[in-house]
Amino acid sequence: MVTTLAVFHIKGGVGKTAAAVNLSYLAAQSGAQTLLCDLDPQGSATYYFRVKPKVKAAEKIFLKGGKHMMRNIKGTDYEHLDLLPADMSYRRLAVTLELAKQSKQRLHTILEPLHEAYTYIILDCPPNMTRIAENVFIAADYLLVPVIPSTLALRAYTQLLTFFDDKGYDKGKIITFFSMVEKKKKMHREIMHEMTMQSSQLLCSTIPYLADIEKMGVYREPVSAFAPRTLASRAYQALWEELQERLRAGNA
């Protein structure tokens, strides 16, 4: 049975793409057929995997789906891991979806034919609350939300929860983890303590703020591929293992 996991946050710069790339890699390394869908116009996940995006207009992919999307899926350098790349054409996607019939269901519809081919479909999502986000909320089985333990990131996370309440989306889909953590900072420690006391959706594993994660842009590889023995690699491995446990419990 396929699991669709969206890595999402309203804010940018929270370690979202790094998490999507590393978790996709670890899923594939476990032997699971994995598809990473890069939905962000910046195409950072596409860049990390050394894929040259030759993506047709986003309108064709999301309005027609099927073969139009299938032929854009690319292999990566890693066994069991495929990529649906993005490029700047995706900047028009939110407007395109607004004009489409059943506009909130399009992503779910186009991913459905892939369910038999993959064990995991992981979505690297653009920030902001657009029609793309609402497509993601419906299509994903789980929403993985990285939160920097800072005031603004916490505010954005609270806004996401409020949006789910207002629109009637299932908050049980949301799984949260701390990202870009600097435990030397008093504010980080205090916010982490406060959220841990209040949220059952929070994973214990955290991703520290580390130079090795920033070097992904230099090596254009997941951390666990170019630096497997580092603290950064171990942090993503721990996050993946805990996430798997949570997913298994949710599917039980």
C-alpha atoms as a PDB file:
ATOM      1  CA  MET A   1       0.000   0.000   0.000  1.00  0.00           C
ATOM      2  CA  VAL A   2       1.350   3.398  -0.995  1.00  0.00           C
ATOM      3  CA  THR A   3       1.912   6.182   1.524  1.00  0.00           C
ATOM      4  CA  THR A   4       1.858   9.760   0.265  1.00  0.00           C
ATOM      5  CA  LEU A   5       3.870  12.039   2.523  1.00  0.00           C
ATOM      6  CA  ALA A   6       3.975  15.816   1.974  1.00  0.00           C
ATOM      7  CA  VAL A   7       6.751  17.899   3.511  1.00  0.00           C
ATOM      8  CA  PHE A   8       5.111  21.281   3.984  1.00  0.00           C
ATOM      9  CA  HIS A   9       5.313  24.566   5.853  1.00  0.00           C
ATOM     10  CA  ILE A  10       3.756  27.972   5.297  1.00  0.00           C
ATOM     11  CA  LYS A  11       7.215  29.543   5.704  1.00  0.00           C
ATOM     12  CA  GLY A  12      10.222  28.971   3.508  1.00  0.00           C
ATOM     13  CA  GLY A  13      13.737  28.425   4.836  1.00  0.00           C
ATOM     14  CA  VAL A  14      12.778  25.870   7.492  1.00  0.00           C
ATOM     15  CA  GLY A  15      14.669  22.856   6.118  1.00  0.00           C
ATOM     16  CA  LYS A  16      11.702  21.493   4.199  1.00  0.00           C
ATOM     17  CA  THR A  17      13.490  20.494   0.988  1.00  0.00           C
ATOM     18  CA  ALA A  18      16.484  19.057   2.855  1.00  0.00           C
ATOM     19  CA  ALA A  19      14.089  16.833   4.788  1.00  0.00           C
ATOM     20  CA  ALA A  20      12.209  15.757   1.652  1.00  0.00           C
ATOM     21  CA  VAL A  21      15.446  14.886  -0.168  1.00  0.00           C
ATOM     22  CA  ASN A  22      17.031  12.973   2.702  1.00  0.00           C
ATOM     23  CA  LEU A  23      13.873  11.096   3.667  1.00  0.00           C
ATOM     24  CA  SER A  24      13.268  10.116   0.036  1.00  0.00           C
ATOM     25  CA  TYR A  25      16.806   8.799  -0.187  1.00  0.00           C
ATOM     26  CA  LEU A  26      16.470   6.811   3.046  1.00  0.00           C
ATOM     27  CA  ALA A  27      13.124   5.383   1.947  1.00  0.00           C
ATOM     28  CA  ALA A  28      14.718   4.173  -1.284  1.00  0.00           C
ATOM     29  CA  GLN A  29      17.740   2.801   0.569  1.00  0.00           C
ATOM     30  CA  SER A  30      15.368   0.626   2.577  1.00  0.00           C
ATOM     31  CA  GLY A  31      14.375  -1.026  -0.701  1.00  0.00           C
ATOM     32  CA  ALA A  32      11.033   0.767  -1.104  1.00  0.00           C
ATOM     33  CA  GLN A  33      10.146   2.121  -4.529  1.00  0.00           C
ATOM     34  CA  THR A  34       9.997   5.857  -3.899  1.00  0.00           C
ATOM     35  CA  LEU A  35       8.918   8.857  -5.942  1.00  0.00           C
ATOM     36  CA  LEU A  36       9.890  12.378  -4.903  1.00  0.00           C
ATOM     37  CA  CYS A  37       7.632  15.005  -6.480  1.00  0.00           C
ATOM     38  CA  ASP A  38       9.249  18.432  -6.579  1.00  0.00           C
ATOM     39  CA  LEU A  39       6.325  20.879  -6.563  1.00  0.00           C
ATOM     40  CA  ASP A  40       8.357  23.998  -5.772  1.00  0.00           C
ATOM     41  CA  PRO A  41       9.115  26.367  -8.702  1.00  0.00           C
ATOM     42  CA  GLN A  42      12.621  26.877  -7.308  1.00  0.00           C
ATOM     43  CA  GLY A  43      13.324  23.215  -8.074  1.00  0.00           C
ATOM     44  CA  SER A  44      15.809  22.767  -5.228  1.00  0.00           C
ATOM     45  CA  ALA A  45      15.096  19.042  -4.812  1.00  0.00           C
ATOM     46  CA  THR A  46      15.561  18.628  -8.564  1.00  0.00           C
ATOM     47  CA  TYR A  47      18.902  20.424  -8.318  1.00  0.00           C
ATOM     48  CA  TYR A  48      20.080  18.276  -5.401  1.00  0.00           C
ATOM     49  CA  PHE A  49      19.501  15.114  -7.432  1.00  0.00           C
ATOM     50  CA  ARG A  50      21.361  16.440 -10.489  1.00  0.00           C
ATOM     51  CA  VAL A  51      18.300  16.162 -12.694  1.00  0.00           C
ATOM     52  CA  LYS A  52      17.896  18.631 -15.541  1.00  0.00           C
ATOM     53  CA  PRO A  53      14.240  19.632 -15.576  1.00  0.00           C
ATOM     54  CA  LYS A  54      12.682  19.320 -19.002  1.00  0.00           C
ATOM     55  CA  VAL A  55       9.210  19.668 -17.645  1.00  0.00           C
ATOM     56  CA  LYS A  56       6.316  20.536 -19.909  1.00  0.00           C
ATOM     57  CA  ALA A  57       3.892  23.237 -18.847  1.00  0.00           C
ATOM     58  CA  ALA A  58       2.485  22.599 -15.401  1.00  0.00           C
ATOM     59  CA  GLU A  59      -1.000  23.091 -16.821  1.00  0.00           C
ATOM     60  CA  LYS A  60      -0.651  19.895 -18.919  1.00  0.00           C
ATOM     61  CA  ILE A  61       0.650  17.856 -16.013  1.00  0.00           C
ATOM     62  CA  PHE A  62      -2.020  18.867 -13.521  1.00  0.00           C
ATOM     63  CA  LEU A  63      -4.993  19.235 -15.813  1.00  0.00           C
ATOM     64  CA  LYS A  64      -4.408  16.121 -17.931  1.00  0.00           C
ATOM     65  CA  GLY A  65      -2.235  13.950 -15.663  1.00  0.00           C
ATOM     66  CA  GLY A  66      -1.709  10.362 -16.853  1.00  0.00           C
ATOM     67  CA  LYS A  67       0.902   9.966 -19.587  1.00  0.00           C
ATOM     68  CA  HIS A  68       1.661  13.690 -19.492  1.00  0.00           C
ATOM     69  CA  MET A  69       3.042  13.277 -15.995  1.00  0.00           C
ATOM     70  CA  MET A  70       4.447   9.752 -16.409  1.00  0.00           C
ATOM     71  CA  ARG A  71       6.835  10.755 -19.166  1.00  0.00           C
ATOM     72  CA  ASN A  72       8.258  13.541 -17.007  1.00  0.00           C
ATOM     73  CA  ILE A  73       9.276  11.187 -14.180  1.00  0.00           C
ATOM     74  CA  LYS A  74      13.055  10.717 -14.159  1.00  0.00           C
ATOM     75  CA  GLY A  75      15.349   8.185 -12.560  1.00  0.00           C
ATOM     76  CA  THR A  76      17.991   9.366 -10.093  1.00  0.00           C
ATOM     77  CA  ASP A  77      21.486   8.088  -9.361  1.00  0.00           C
ATOM     78  CA  TYR A  78      20.007   5.947  -6.586  1.00  0.00           C
ATOM     79  CA  GLU A  79      18.259   2.613  -6.902  1.00  0.00           C
ATOM     80  CA  HIS A  80      14.510   2.607  -6.136  1.00  0.00           C
ATOM     81  CA  LEU A  81      14.328   6.435  -6.229  1.00  0.00           C
ATOM     82  CA  ASP A  82      12.566   8.393  -8.991  1.00  0.00           C
ATOM     83  CA  LEU A  83      11.923  12.114  -9.278  1.00  0.00           C
ATOM     84  CA  LEU A  84       9.186  14.234 -10.801  1.00  0.00           C
ATOM     85  CA  PRO A  85      11.233  17.398 -11.401  1.00  0.00           C
ATOM     86  CA  ALA A  86      10.114  21.011 -11.179  1.00  0.00           C
ATOM     87  CA  ASP A  87      11.165  24.212 -12.847  1.00  0.00           C
ATOM     88  CA  MET A  88      10.022  27.832 -12.972  1.00  0.00           C
ATOM     89  CA  SER A  89       6.971  26.900 -15.055  1.00  0.00           C
ATOM     90  CA  TYR A  90       5.398  25.785 -11.765  1.00  0.00           C
ATOM     91  CA  ARG A  91       5.024  29.429 -10.747  1.00  0.00           C
ATOM     92  CA  ARG A  92       1.758  29.455 -12.738  1.00  0.00           C
ATOM     93  CA  LEU A  93       0.428  26.336 -11.077  1.00  0.00           C
ATOM     94  CA  ALA A  94      -1.667  27.992  -8.361  1.00  0.00           C
ATOM     95  CA  VAL A  95      -3.519  30.090 -10.938  1.00  0.00           C
ATOM     96  CA  THR A  96      -3.993  27.063 -13.192  1.00  0.00           C
ATOM     97  CA  LEU A  97      -5.553  25.089 -10.382  1.00  0.00           C
ATOM     98  CA  GLU A  98      -7.914  27.920  -9.497  1.00  0.00           C
ATOM     99  CA  LEU A  99      -9.391  27.671 -12.995  1.00  0.00           C
ATOM    100  CA  ALA A 100      -9.631  23.875 -13.096  1.00  0.00           C
ATOM    101  CA  LYS A 101     -12.683  21.749 -12.404  1.00  0.00           C
ATOM    102  CA  GLN A 102     -12.482  19.979  -9.029  1.00  0.00           C
ATOM    103  CA  SER A 103      -9.463  22.198  -8.442  1.00  0.00           C
ATOM    104  CA  LYS A 104      -8.730  20.869  -4.957  1.00  0.00           C
ATOM    105  CA  GLN A 105      -8.685  17.253  -6.147  1.00  0.00           C
ATOM    106  CA  ARG A 106      -6.307  17.499  -9.113  1.00  0.00           C
ATOM    107  CA  LEU A 107      -3.157  16.358  -7.345  1.00  0.00           C
ATOM    108  CA  HIS A 108      -4.956  13.381  -5.795  1.00  0.00           C
ATOM    109  CA  THR A 109      -6.308  12.444  -9.227  1.00  0.00           C
ATOM    110  CA  ILE A 110      -2.961  12.561 -11.035  1.00  0.00           C
ATOM    111  CA  LEU A 111      -1.095  10.667  -8.307  1.00  0.00           C
ATOM    112  CA  GLU A 112      -3.632   7.857  -8.084  1.00  0.00           C
ATOM    113  CA  PRO A 113      -2.334   5.914 -11.145  1.00  0.00           C
ATOM    114  CA  LEU A 114       1.126   5.814  -9.505  1.00  0.00           C
ATOM    115  CA  HIS A 115      -0.052   4.043  -6.373  1.00  0.00           C
ATOM    116  CA  GLU A 116       0.730   0.580  -7.727  1.00  0.00           C
ATOM    117  CA  ALA A 117       4.273   1.536  -8.773  1.00  0.00           C
ATOM    118  CA  TYR A 118       5.517   3.083  -5.531  1.00  0.00           C
ATOM    119  CA  THR A 119       5.585   2.363  -1.820  1.00  0.00           C
ATOM    120  CA  TYR A 120       6.240   6.017  -0.928  1.00  0.00           C
ATOM    121  CA  ILE A 121       5.313   9.181  -2.784  1.00  0.00           C
ATOM    122  CA  ILE A 122       6.970  12.165  -1.113  1.00  0.00           C
ATOM    123  CA  LEU A 123       5.946  15.716  -2.021  1.00  0.00           C
ATOM    124  CA  ASP A 124       8.349  18.616  -1.604  1.00  0.00           C
ATOM    125  CA  CYS A 125       5.849  21.467  -1.415  1.00  0.00           C
ATOM    126  CA  PRO A 126       6.204  25.189  -2.008  1.00  0.00           C
ATOM    127  CA  PRO A 127       5.503  27.452   0.977  1.00  0.00           C
ATOM    128  CA  ASN A 128       2.400  29.643   1.273  1.00  0.00           C
ATOM    129  CA  MET A 129      -1.299  28.855   1.514  1.00  0.00           C
ATOM    130  CA  THR A 130      -2.414  28.576  -2.108  1.00  0.00           C
ATOM    131  CA  ARG A 131      -4.636  26.185  -4.045  1.00  0.00           C
ATOM    132  CA  ILE A 132      -1.528  23.995  -4.384  1.00  0.00           C
ATOM    133  CA  ALA A 133      -1.440  23.655  -0.595  1.00  0.00           C
ATOM    134  CA  GLU A 134      -5.080  22.601  -0.481  1.00  0.00           C
ATOM    135  CA  ASN A 135      -4.389  20.001  -3.169  1.00  0.00           C
ATOM    136  CA  VAL A 136      -1.548  18.718  -1.011  1.00  0.00           C
ATOM    137  CA  PHE A 137      -3.727  18.562   2.116  1.00  0.00           C
ATOM    138  CA  ILE A 138      -6.206  16.336   0.278  1.00  0.00           C
ATOM    139  CA  ALA A 139      -3.730  14.177  -1.661  1.00  0.00           C
ATOM    140  CA  ALA A 140      -1.330  13.436   1.208  1.00  0.00           C
ATOM    141  CA  ASP A 141      -1.892  10.708   3.759  1.00  0.00           C
ATOM    142  CA  TYR A 142       0.382  12.615   6.125  1.00  0.00           C
ATOM    143  CA  LEU A 143       1.740  16.139   6.304  1.00  0.00           C
ATOM    144  CA  LEU A 144       5.263  16.363   7.727  1.00  0.00           C
ATOM    145  CA  VAL A 145       5.896  19.869   9.061  1.00  0.00           C
ATOM    146  CA  PRO A 146       9.421  21.028  10.003  1.00  0.00           C
ATOM    147  CA  VAL A 147       9.336  23.755  12.647  1.00  0.00           C
ATOM    148  CA  ILE A 148      12.283  25.934  13.604  1.00  0.00           C
ATOM    149  CA  PRO A 149      11.941  26.636  17.337  1.00  0.00           C
ATOM    150  CA  SER A 150      11.530  30.375  16.822  1.00  0.00           C
ATOM    151  CA  THR A 151       8.647  32.776  17.365  1.00  0.00           C
ATOM    152  CA  LEU A 152       7.765  33.371  13.699  1.00  0.00           C
ATOM    153  CA  ALA A 153       8.025  29.701  12.704  1.00  0.00           C
ATOM    154  CA  LEU A 154       5.830  28.720  15.631  1.00  0.00           C
ATOM    155  CA  ARG A 155       3.306  31.410  14.651  1.00  0.00           C
ATOM    156  CA  ALA A 156       3.198  30.052  11.088  1.00  0.00           C
ATOM    157  CA  TYR A 157       2.654  26.539  12.425  1.00  0.00           C
ATOM    158  CA  THR A 158      -0.233  27.784  14.561  1.00  0.00           C
ATOM    159  CA  GLN A 159      -1.724  29.458  11.482  1.00  0.00           C
ATOM    160  CA  LEU A 160      -1.574  26.119   9.663  1.00  0.00           C
ATOM    161  CA  LEU A 161      -3.468  24.380  12.460  1.00  0.00           C
ATOM    162  CA  THR A 162      -6.069  27.156  12.471  1.00  0.00           C
ATOM    163  CA  PHE A 163      -6.504  26.832   8.712  1.00  0.00           C
ATOM    164  CA  PHE A 164      -7.111  23.091   9.072  1.00  0.00           C
ATOM    165  CA  ASP A 165      -9.751  23.796  11.729  1.00  0.00           C
ATOM    166  CA  ASP A 166     -11.456  26.483   9.654  1.00  0.00           C
ATOM    167  CA  LYS A 167     -11.576  24.377   6.479  1.00  0.00           C
ATOM    168  CA  GLY A 168     -12.414  21.086   8.166  1.00  0.00           C
ATOM    169  CA  TYR A 169      -9.219  19.282   7.140  1.00  0.00           C
ATOM    170  CA  ASP A 170      -8.006  16.372   9.238  1.00  0.00           C
ATOM    171  CA  LYS A 171      -5.361  17.593  11.704  1.00  0.00           C
ATOM    172  CA  GLY A 172      -4.572  13.948  12.445  1.00  0.00           C
ATOM    173  CA  LYS A 173      -2.572  13.980   9.210  1.00  0.00           C
ATOM    174  CA  ILE A 174      -0.073  16.459  10.643  1.00  0.00           C
ATOM    175  CA  ILE A 175       3.239  15.197  12.014  1.00  0.00           C
ATOM    176  CA  THR A 176       5.739  17.762  13.274  1.00  0.00           C
ATOM    177  CA  PHE A 177       9.467  17.790  13.983  1.00  0.00           C
ATOM    178  CA  PHE A 178      11.965  20.439  15.040  1.00  0.00           C
ATOM    179  CA  SER A 179      14.314  21.592  12.290  1.00  0.00           C
ATOM    180  CA  MET A 180      17.493  23.700  12.186  1.00  0.00           C
ATOM    181  CA  VAL A 181      17.792  23.404  15.973  1.00  0.00           C
ATOM    182  CA  GLU A 182      20.483  25.297  17.846  1.00  0.00           C
ATOM    183  CA  LYS A 183      20.282  24.073  21.428  1.00  0.00           C
ATOM    184  CA  LYS A 184      22.737  26.728  22.582  1.00  0.00           C
ATOM    185  CA  LYS A 185      19.988  29.270  22.016  1.00  0.00           C
ATOM    186  CA  LYS A 186      17.769  29.754  25.041  1.00  0.00           C
ATOM    187  CA  MET A 187      14.731  30.552  22.877  1.00  0.00           C
ATOM    188  CA  HIS A 188      15.122  27.285  20.970  1.00  0.00           C
ATOM    189  CA  ARG A 189      15.251  25.299  24.195  1.00  0.00           C
ATOM    190  CA  GLU A 190      12.243  27.090  25.682  1.00  0.00           C
ATOM    191  CA  ILE A 191      10.035  26.757  22.606  1.00  0.00           C
ATOM    192  CA  MET A 192      10.962  23.096  22.182  1.00  0.00           C
ATOM    193  CA  HIS A 193      10.044  22.427  25.803  1.00  0.00           C
ATOM    194  CA  GLU A 194       6.731  24.278  25.480  1.00  0.00           C
ATOM    195  CA  MET A 195       5.699  22.519  22.268  1.00  0.00           C
ATOM    196  CA  THR A 196       6.748  19.104  23.587  1.00  0.00           C
ATOM    197  CA  MET A 197       4.443  19.564  26.572  1.00  0.00           C
ATOM    198  CA  GLN A 198       1.496  20.599  24.386  1.00  0.00           C
ATOM    199  CA  SER A 199       1.638  18.517  21.193  1.00  0.00           C
ATOM    200  CA  SER A 200       1.148  14.794  20.653  1.00  0.00           C
ATOM    201  CA  GLN A 201       1.893  15.312  16.940  1.00  0.00           C
ATOM    202  CA  LEU A 202       5.547  16.086  17.613  1.00  0.00           C
ATOM    203  CA  LEU A 203       8.304  13.578  16.834  1.00  0.00           C
ATOM    204  CA  CYS A 204      11.166  13.175  19.304  1.00  0.00           C
ATOM    205  CA  SER A 205      13.817  13.269  16.574  1.00  0.00           C
ATOM    206  CA  THR A 206      15.217  16.698  15.702  1.00  0.00           C
ATOM    207  CA  ILE A 207      17.392  18.020  12.876  1.00  0.00           C
ATOM    208  CA  PRO A 208      20.210  20.267  14.107  1.00  0.00           C
ATOM    209  CA  TYR A 209      21.475  23.328  12.279  1.00  0.00           C
ATOM    210  CA  LEU A 210      24.646  21.899  10.732  1.00  0.00           C
ATOM    211  CA  ALA A 211      27.077  22.859   7.970  1.00  0.00           C
ATOM    212  CA  ASP A 212      26.884  19.360   6.467  1.00  0.00           C
ATOM    213  CA  ILE A 213      23.227  19.951   5.585  1.00  0.00           C
ATOM    214  CA  GLU A 214      24.100  23.220   3.863  1.00  0.00           C
ATOM    215  CA  LYS A 215      26.779  21.347   1.872  1.00  0.00           C
ATOM    216  CA  MET A 216      24.040  19.441   0.060  1.00  0.00           C
ATOM    217  CA  GLY A 217      24.059  22.332  -2.399  1.00  0.00           C
ATOM    218  CA  VAL A 218      27.773  21.801  -3.020  1.00  0.00           C
ATOM    219  CA  TYR A 219      27.757  18.014  -3.371  1.00  0.00           C
ATOM    220  CA  ARG A 220      24.246  17.878  -4.853  1.00  0.00           C
ATOM    221  CA  GLU A 221      23.493  14.737  -2.910  1.00  0.00           C
ATOM    222  CA  PRO A 222      21.580  13.758   0.233  1.00  0.00           C
ATOM    223  CA  VAL A 223      23.648  14.055   3.409  1.00  0.00           C
ATOM    224  CA  SER A 224      23.497  10.310   3.995  1.00  0.00           C
ATOM    225  CA  ALA A 225      25.056   9.758   0.558  1.00  0.00           C
ATOM    226  CA  PHE A 226      28.090  12.067   0.814  1.00  0.00           C
ATOM    227  CA  ALA A 227      28.576  12.133   4.602  1.00  0.00           C
ATOM    228  CA  PRO A 228      26.989   8.947   6.025  1.00  0.00           C
ATOM    229  CA  ARG A 229      28.860   8.958   9.350  1.00  0.00           C
ATOM    230  CA  THR A 230      28.096  12.533  10.352  1.00  0.00           C
ATOM    231  CA  LEU A 231      25.717  13.855  12.993  1.00  0.00           C
ATOM    232  CA  ALA A 232      23.511  15.249  10.223  1.00  0.00           C
ATOM    233  CA  SER A 233      23.174  11.850   8.567  1.00  0.00           C
ATOM    234  CA  ARG A 234      22.379  10.170  11.892  1.00  0.00           C
ATOM    235  CA  ALA A 235      19.753  12.828  12.619  1.00  0.00           C
ATOM    236  CA  TYR A 236      17.902  12.159   9.358  1.00  0.00           C
ATOM    237  CA  GLN A 237      18.198   8.410   9.899  1.00  0.00           C
ATOM    238  CA  ALA A 238      16.657   8.739  13.359  1.00  0.00           C
ATOM    239  CA  LEU A 239      13.899  10.957  11.941  1.00  0.00           C
ATOM    240  CA  TRP A 240      13.145   8.419   9.201  1.00  0.00           C
ATOM    241  CA  GLU A 241      13.028   5.489  11.637  1.00  0.00           C
ATOM    242  CA  GLU A 242      10.702   7.319  14.021  1.00  0.00           C
ATOM    243  CA  LEU A 243       8.548   8.494  11.127  1.00  0.00           C
ATOM    244  CA  GLN A 244       8.212   4.908   9.868  1.00  0.00           C
ATOM    245  CA  GLU A 245       7.016   3.829  13.304  1.00  0.00           C
ATOM    246  CA  ARG A 246       4.428   6.627  13.309  1.00  0.00           C
ATOM    247  CA  LEU A 247       3.236   5.699   9.813  1.00  0.00           C
ATOM    248  CA  ARG A 248       2.933   2.030  10.724  1.00  0.00           C
ATOM    249  CA  ALA A 249       0.930   2.947  13.824  1.00  0.00           C
ATOM    250  CA  GLY A 250      -1.335   5.165  11.739  1.00  0.00           C
ATOM    251  CA  ASN A 251      -1.942   2.414   9.201  1.00  0.00           C
ATOM    252  CA  ALA A 252      -2.546  -0.305  11.769  1.00  0.00           C
END
